[in-house]
């Protein structure tokens, strides 16, 4: 008997909606990423790299 593939196992799995806490964690992660990118861009303007 052949081993089941990942696709077969995923097809058998039931759909599970995201929990509210999972949605909050996703939003917080995205917001934190954007804020840190803005801070990094600001610091790069303030202290440009010198070669």
PDB file of N, CA and C in Angstrom:
ATOM      1  N   UNK A   1       0.851  -1.189   0.000  1.00  0.00           N
ATOM      2  CA  UNK A   1       0.000   0.000   0.000  1.00  0.00           C
ATOM      3  C   UNK A   1       0.892   1.246   0.000  1.00  0.00           C
ATOM      4  N   UNK A   2       0.670   2.173  -0.948  1.00  0.00           N
ATOM      5  CA  UNK A   2       1.512   3.377  -1.018  1.00  0.00           C
ATOM      6  C   UNK A   2       1.238   4.310   0.162  1.00  0.00           C
ATOM      7  N   UNK A   3       2.282   5.037   0.532  1.00  0.00           N
ATOM      8  CA  UNK A   3       2.125   5.993   1.625  1.00  0.00           C
ATOM      9  C   UNK A   3       1.308   7.194   1.164  1.00  0.00           C
ATOM     10  N   UNK A   4       0.470   7.726   2.048  1.00  0.00           N
ATOM     11  CA  UNK A   4      -0.324   8.906   1.655  1.00  0.00           C
ATOM     12  C   UNK A   4       0.595  10.120   1.475  1.00  0.00           C
ATOM     13  N   UNK A   5       0.246  10.946   0.527  1.00  0.00           N
ATOM     14  CA  UNK A   5       1.030  12.152   0.281  1.00  0.00           C
ATOM     15  C   UNK A   5       0.495  13.292   1.154  1.00  0.00           C
ATOM     16  N   UNK A   6       1.252  14.357   1.214  1.00  0.00           N
ATOM     17  CA  UNK A   6       0.831  15.529   1.993  1.00  0.00           C
ATOM     18  C   UNK A   6      -0.467  16.096   1.432  1.00  0.00           C
ATOM     19  N   UNK A   7      -0.570  16.106   0.114  1.00  0.00           N
ATOM     20  CA  UNK A   7      -1.795  16.633  -0.517  1.00  0.00           C
ATOM     21  C   UNK A   7      -3.015  15.827  -0.083  1.00  0.00           C
ATOM     22  N   UNK A   8      -2.879  14.513  -0.031  1.00  0.00           N
ATOM     23  CA  UNK A   8      -4.006  13.668   0.391  1.00  0.00           C
ATOM     24  C   UNK A   8      -4.408  13.984   1.832  1.00  0.00           C
ATOM     25  N   UNK A   9      -3.412  14.131   2.689  1.00  0.00           N
ATOM     26  CA  UNK A   9      -3.697  14.426   4.096  1.00  0.00           C
ATOM     27  C   UNK A   9      -4.347  15.803   4.248  1.00  0.00           C
ATOM     28  N   UNK A  10      -3.870  16.793   3.491  1.00  0.00           N
ATOM     29  CA  UNK A  10      -4.464  18.134   3.568  1.00  0.00           C
ATOM     30  C   UNK A  10      -5.892  18.142   3.029  1.00  0.00           C
ATOM     31  N   UNK A  11      -6.142  17.339   2.006  1.00  0.00           N
ATOM     32  CA  UNK A  11      -7.503  17.251   1.458  1.00  0.00           C
ATOM     33  C   UNK A  11      -8.474  16.649   2.476  1.00  0.00           C
ATOM     34  N   UNK A  12      -7.987  15.737   3.327  1.00  0.00           N
ATOM     35  CA  UNK A  12      -8.842  15.100   4.324  1.00  0.00           C
ATOM     36  C   UNK A  12      -9.080  15.985   5.547  1.00  0.00           C
ATOM     37  N   UNK A  13      -8.205  16.952   5.773  1.00  0.00           N
ATOM     38  CA  UNK A  13      -8.310  17.786   6.975  1.00  0.00           C
ATOM     39  C   UNK A  13      -9.521  18.716   6.860  1.00  0.00           C
ATOM     40  N   UNK A  14     -10.171  18.937   7.994  1.00  0.00           N
ATOM     41  CA  UNK A  14     -11.311  19.845   8.018  1.00  0.00           C
ATOM     42  C   UNK A  14     -10.838  21.290   8.092  1.00  0.00           C
ATOM     43  N   UNK A  15     -11.662  22.198   7.582  1.00  0.00           N
ATOM     44  CA  UNK A  15     -11.361  23.622   7.642  1.00  0.00           C
ATOM     45  C   UNK A  15     -11.538  24.116   9.071  1.00  0.00           C
ATOM     46  N   UNK A  16     -10.532  24.819   9.574  1.00  0.00           N
ATOM     47  CA  UNK A  16     -10.620  25.396  10.918  1.00  0.00           C
ATOM     48  C   UNK A  16     -10.399  26.907  10.799  1.00  0.00           C
ATOM     49  N   UNK A  17     -11.419  27.696  11.123  1.00  0.00           N
ATOM     50  CA  UNK A  17     -11.248  29.149  11.040  1.00  0.00           C
ATOM     51  C   UNK A  17     -10.259  29.637  12.098  1.00  0.00           C
ATOM     52  N   UNK A  18      -9.670  30.798  11.832  1.00  0.00           N
ATOM     53  CA  UNK A  18      -8.730  31.380  12.787  1.00  0.00           C
ATOM     54  C   UNK A  18      -9.461  31.830  14.049  1.00  0.00           C
ATOM     55  N   UNK A  19      -8.814  31.620  15.173  1.00  0.00           N
ATOM     56  CA  UNK A  19      -9.361  32.100  16.434  1.00  0.00           C
ATOM     57  C   UNK A  19      -9.131  33.605  16.529  1.00  0.00           C
ATOM     58  N   UNK A  20      -9.946  34.310  17.329  1.00  0.00           N
ATOM     59  CA  UNK A  20      -9.757  35.758  17.467  1.00  0.00           C
ATOM     60  C   UNK A  20      -8.348  36.127  17.943  1.00  0.00           C
ATOM     61  N   UNK A  21      -7.756  35.354  18.841  1.00  0.00           N
ATOM     62  CA  UNK A  21      -6.419  35.672  19.319  1.00  0.00           C
ATOM     63  C   UNK A  21      -5.392  35.487  18.201  1.00  0.00           C
ATOM     64  N   UNK A  22      -5.622  34.518  17.330  1.00  0.00           N
ATOM     65  CA  UNK A  22      -4.709  34.318  16.201  1.00  0.00           C
ATOM     66  C   UNK A  22      -4.781  35.508  15.243  1.00  0.00           C
ATOM     67  N   UNK A  23      -5.986  36.031  15.026  1.00  0.00           N
ATOM     68  CA  UNK A  23      -6.139  37.205  14.165  1.00  0.00           C
ATOM     69  C   UNK A  23      -5.421  38.411  14.763  1.00  0.00           C
ATOM     70  N   UNK A  24      -5.542  38.572  16.096  1.00  0.00           N
ATOM     71  CA  UNK A  24      -4.865  39.692  16.755  1.00  0.00           C
ATOM     72  C   UNK A  24      -3.358  39.553  16.644  1.00  0.00           C
ATOM     73  N   UNK A  25      -2.843  38.348  16.799  1.00  0.00           N
ATOM     74  CA  UNK A  25      -1.405  38.133  16.681  1.00  0.00           C
ATOM     75  C   UNK A  25      -0.902  38.444  15.278  1.00  0.00           C
ATOM     76  N   UNK A  26      -1.679  38.087  14.263  1.00  0.00           N
ATOM     77  CA  UNK A  26      -1.298  38.386  12.881  1.00  0.00           C
ATOM     78  C   UNK A  26      -1.253  39.886  12.671  1.00  0.00           C
ATOM     79  N   UNK A  27      -2.276  40.597  13.137  1.00  0.00           N
ATOM     80  CA  UNK A  27      -2.328  42.051  12.969  1.00  0.00           C
ATOM     81  C   UNK A  27      -1.172  42.717  13.709  1.00  0.00           C
ATOM     82  N   UNK A  28      -0.927  42.307  14.950  1.00  0.00           N
ATOM     83  CA  UNK A  28       0.165  42.897  15.733  1.00  0.00           C
ATOM     84  C   UNK A  28       1.514  42.645  15.070  1.00  0.00           C
ATOM     85  N   UNK A  29       1.711  41.472  14.514  1.00  0.00           N
ATOM     86  CA  UNK A  29       2.971  41.154  13.848  1.00  0.00           C
ATOM     87  C   UNK A  29       3.180  42.040  12.623  1.00  0.00           C
ATOM     88  N   UNK A  30       2.120  42.223  11.839  1.00  0.00           N
ATOM     89  CA  UNK A  30       2.230  43.070  10.647  1.00  0.00           C
ATOM     90  C   UNK A  30       2.491  44.528  11.029  1.00  0.00           C
ATOM     91  N   UNK A  31       1.775  45.023  12.041  1.00  0.00           N
ATOM     92  CA  UNK A  31       1.965  46.405  12.487  1.00  0.00           C
ATOM     93  C   UNK A  31       3.378  46.594  13.019  1.00  0.00           C
ATOM     94  N   UNK A  32       3.856  45.662  13.823  1.00  0.00           N
ATOM     95  CA  UNK A  32       5.205  45.758  14.372  1.00  0.00           C
ATOM     96  C   UNK A  32       6.238  45.755  13.252  1.00  0.00           C
ATOM     97  N   UNK A  33       6.057  44.921  12.245  1.00  0.00           N
ATOM     98  CA  UNK A  33       6.977  44.877  11.109  1.00  0.00           C
ATOM     99  C   UNK A  33       7.029  46.197  10.369  1.00  0.00           C
ATOM    100  N   UNK A  34       5.878  46.796  10.119  1.00  0.00           N
ATOM    101  CA  UNK A  34       5.836  48.079   9.409  1.00  0.00           C
ATOM    102  C   UNK A  34       6.473  49.180  10.251  1.00  0.00           C
ATOM    103  N   UNK A  35       6.170  49.212  11.544  1.00  0.00           N
ATOM    104  CA  UNK A  35       6.745  50.235  12.431  1.00  0.00           C
ATOM    105  C   UNK A  35       8.262  50.100  12.479  1.00  0.00           C
ATOM    106  N   UNK A  36       8.766  48.885  12.601  1.00  0.00           N
ATOM    107  CA  UNK A  36      10.211  48.694  12.647  1.00  0.00           C
ATOM    108  C   UNK A  36      10.874  49.070  11.324  1.00  0.00           C
ATOM    109  N   UNK A  37      10.209  48.832  10.205  1.00  0.00           N
ATOM    110  CA  UNK A  37      10.751  49.266   8.917  1.00  0.00           C
ATOM    111  C   UNK A  37      10.843  50.784   8.838  1.00  0.00           C
ATOM    112  N   UNK A  38       9.831  51.477   9.344  1.00  0.00           N
ATOM    113  CA  UNK A  38       9.841  52.942   9.346  1.00  0.00           C
ATOM    114  C   UNK A  38      10.962  53.453  10.245  1.00  0.00           C
ATOM    115  N   UNK A  39      11.123  52.841  11.410  1.00  0.00           N
ATOM    116  CA  UNK A  39      12.201  53.253  12.324  1.00  0.00           C
ATOM    117  C   UNK A  39      13.557  53.021  11.660  1.00  0.00           C
ATOM    118  N   UNK A  40      13.743  51.884  11.021  1.00  0.00           N
ATOM    119  CA  UNK A  40      14.996  51.590  10.346  1.00  0.00           C
ATOM    120  C   UNK A  40      15.270  52.588   9.226  1.00  0.00           C
ATOM    121  N   UNK A  41      14.249  52.937   8.454  1.00  0.00           N
ATOM    122  CA  UNK A  41      14.423  53.916   7.379  1.00  0.00           C
ATOM    123  C   UNK A  41      14.793  55.280   7.961  1.00  0.00           C
ATOM    124  N   UNK A  42      14.168  55.654   9.071  1.00  0.00           N
ATOM    125  CA  UNK A  42      14.489  56.932   9.721  1.00  0.00           C
ATOM    126  C   UNK A  42      15.938  56.941  10.219  1.00  0.00           C
ATOM    127  N   UNK A  43      16.346  55.849  10.865  1.00  0.00           N
ATOM    128  CA  UNK A  43      17.721  55.773  11.360  1.00  0.00           C
ATOM    129  C   UNK A  43      18.728  55.764  10.217  1.00  0.00           C
ATOM    130  N   UNK A  44      18.355  55.172   9.104  1.00  0.00           N
ATOM    131  CA  UNK A  44      19.233  55.161   7.947  1.00  0.00           C
ATOM    132  C   UNK A  44      19.398  56.569   7.374  1.00  0.00           C
ATOM    133  N   UNK A  45      18.353  57.371   7.412  1.00  0.00           N
ATOM    134  CA  UNK A  45      18.457  58.773   6.970  1.00  0.00           C
ATOM    135  C   UNK A  45      19.262  59.599   7.965  1.00  0.00           C
ATOM    136  N   UNK A  46      19.081  59.309   9.237  1.00  0.00           N
ATOM    137  CA  UNK A  46      19.763  60.069  10.288  1.00  0.00           C
ATOM    138  C   UNK A  46      21.260  59.746  10.333  1.00  0.00           C
ATOM    139  N   UNK A  47      21.578  58.473  10.199  1.00  0.00           N
ATOM    140  CA  UNK A  47      22.978  58.019  10.218  1.00  0.00           C
ATOM    141  C   UNK A  47      23.254  57.218   8.961  1.00  0.00           C
ATOM    142  N   UNK A  48      23.530  57.907   7.834  1.00  0.00           N
ATOM    143  CA  UNK A  48      23.752  57.163   6.585  1.00  0.00           C
ATOM    144  C   UNK A  48      25.049  56.343   6.660  1.00  0.00           C
ATOM    145  N   UNK A  49      25.058  55.197   6.002  1.00  0.00           N
ATOM    146  CA  UNK A  49      26.277  54.374   6.008  1.00  0.00           C
ATOM    147  C   UNK A  49      27.387  55.064   5.227  1.00  0.00           C
ATOM    148  N   UNK A  50      28.587  54.978   5.737  1.00  0.00           N
ATOM    149  CA  UNK A  50      29.729  55.591   5.057  1.00  0.00           C
ATOM    150  C   UNK A  50      30.658  54.496   4.580  1.00  0.00           C
ATOM    151  N   UNK A  51      31.163  54.672   3.389  1.00  0.00           N
ATOM    152  CA  UNK A  51      32.097  53.676   2.816  1.00  0.00           C
ATOM    153  C   UNK A  51      33.481  54.250   2.723  1.00  0.00           C
TER     154      UNK A  51
END
